[in-house]
Amino acid sequence: FQGWFINVECSLDSPQMVDDLLEFVGLLSRAIHDVIEGGQVLWYDSVTHSGSLSWQNELNDSNCRFFERCDGILLNFSGRDRLSWRGRWPKLRRWIGTHGGCRQ
């Protein structure tokens, strides 16, 4: 793996902080792609679009904006259907994994 794994383990205090983080993830992803062939930016499912520290354990409407700006997402494994995203984002064929490092 060459690139960045982004894990934010704190709440964000304002909508501006969320917007800034979303912009950063997108900028970092584009920069990595320009500099490192095959480079990736992966997001850890921790912060939601509202800025709350709240693990979703799935790709959903609360965390998809981060996923859309990078190459993949690492989800907590909670026993729920980790692949429920396929119904909402059927055209996405990117990296989605769980703590076990599974590639889906």
Protein backbone atom coordinates (compact mmCIF):
# COMPACT_ATOMS: atom_id res chain seq x y z
CA PHE A 1 0.00 0.00 0.00
CA GLN A 2 1.35 3.38 -1.03
CA GLY A 3 -0.61 6.39 0.02
CA TRP A 4 -2.48 7.62 3.07
CA PHE A 5 -4.91 6.06 5.53
CA ILE A 6 -7.01 8.81 7.14
CA ASN A 7 -8.46 8.10 10.57
CA VAL A 8 -10.14 11.00 12.39
CA GLU A 9 -11.05 9.94 15.93
CA CYS A 10 -12.67 13.12 17.22
CA SER A 11 -15.83 15.10 16.58
CA LEU A 12 -15.62 18.12 14.31
CA ASP A 13 -16.97 21.27 15.93
CA SER A 14 -18.48 23.02 12.95
CA PRO A 15 -19.86 22.48 9.45
CA GLN A 16 -16.83 24.42 8.17
CA MET A 17 -14.48 21.85 9.72
CA VAL A 18 -16.40 19.07 7.93
CA ASP A 19 -16.21 20.97 4.63
CA ASP A 20 -12.48 21.60 5.14
CA LEU A 21 -11.86 17.92 5.86
CA LEU A 22 -13.86 16.85 2.80
CA GLU A 23 -11.83 19.27 0.68
CA PHE A 24 -8.57 17.98 2.18
CA VAL A 25 -9.47 14.34 1.44
CA GLY A 26 -10.25 15.24 -2.17
CA LEU A 27 -7.09 17.31 -2.63
CA LEU A 28 -4.91 14.62 -1.05
CA SER A 29 -6.45 11.95 -3.27
CA ARG A 30 -5.79 13.94 -6.44
CA ALA A 31 -2.23 14.73 -5.34
CA ILE A 32 -1.46 11.09 -4.51
CA HIS A 33 -2.78 9.99 -7.91
CA ASP A 34 -0.55 12.55 -9.64
CA VAL A 35 2.60 11.60 -7.72
CA ILE A 36 2.35 7.88 -6.96
CA GLU A 37 1.31 5.42 -9.63
CA GLY A 38 -1.34 3.23 -8.04
CA GLY A 39 -1.31 5.38 -4.89
CA GLN A 40 -4.42 5.39 -2.75
CA VAL A 41 -6.14 7.38 -0.04
CA LEU A 42 -8.30 5.28 2.26
CA TRP A 43 -10.83 6.68 4.72
CA TYR A 44 -11.66 5.07 8.07
CA ASP A 45 -15.36 5.18 8.91
CA SER A 46 -15.36 7.36 12.01
CA VAL A 47 -16.68 10.88 11.38
CA THR A 48 -20.03 11.55 9.74
CA HIS A 49 -21.05 14.48 7.54
CA SER A 50 -22.55 16.14 10.61
CA GLY A 51 -19.13 16.10 12.29
CA SER A 52 -20.08 13.47 14.88
CA LEU A 53 -17.67 10.75 15.86
CA SER A 54 -20.04 7.89 15.04
CA TRP A 55 -18.97 4.66 13.38
CA GLN A 56 -21.56 3.68 10.80
CA ASN A 57 -20.22 0.15 10.13
CA GLU A 58 -21.50 0.46 6.57
CA LEU A 59 -21.37 2.86 3.66
CA ASN A 60 -24.44 5.07 3.95
CA ASP A 61 -25.77 8.61 3.58
CA SER A 62 -23.87 9.71 6.70
CA ASN A 63 -20.36 8.86 5.45
CA CYS A 64 -20.56 8.55 1.65
CA ARG A 65 -19.20 12.05 0.94
CA PHE A 66 -15.84 11.06 2.42
CA PHE A 67 -15.82 7.81 0.43
CA GLU A 68 -16.63 9.66 -2.79
CA ARG A 69 -13.49 11.78 -2.41
CA CYS A 70 -11.00 8.96 -1.93
CA ASP A 71 -10.17 5.45 -3.12
CA GLY A 72 -11.75 3.36 -0.41
CA ILE A 73 -13.19 3.05 3.06
CA LEU A 74 -12.36 0.82 5.98
CA LEU A 75 -15.42 -0.07 8.06
CA ASN A 76 -15.82 -1.41 11.56
CA PHE A 77 -17.17 -4.92 11.59
CA SER A 78 -20.29 -5.08 13.71
CA GLY A 79 -21.99 -8.16 12.34
CA ARG A 80 -24.36 -6.13 10.18
CA ASP A 81 -24.51 -6.53 6.41
CA ARG A 82 -21.33 -4.75 5.36
CA LEU A 83 -22.33 -4.83 1.72
CA SER A 84 -25.62 -2.92 2.05
CA TRP A 85 -24.00 -0.08 0.08
CA ARG A 86 -24.47 -1.99 -3.18
CA GLY A 87 -28.14 -1.08 -3.34
CA ARG A 88 -27.44 2.64 -3.12
CA TRP A 89 -24.14 2.87 -4.99
CA PRO A 90 -24.26 -0.03 -7.47
CA LYS A 91 -21.76 1.53 -9.90
CA LEU A 92 -19.05 2.01 -7.29
CA ARG A 93 -16.36 -0.62 -7.64
CA ARG A 94 -13.81 0.60 -5.16
CA TRP A 95 -12.13 -0.70 -2.06
CA ILE A 96 -14.37 -1.38 0.92
CA GLY A 97 -12.90 -3.38 3.75
CA THR A 98 -13.44 -4.31 7.35
CA HIS A 99 -11.01 -4.47 10.24
CA GLY A 100 -9.93 -7.88 9.00
CA GLY A 101 -8.49 -6.26 5.91
CA CYS A 102 -10.91 -8.01 3.58
CA ARG A 103 -11.20 -6.66 0.09
CA GLN A 104 -14.82 -6.66 -1.10
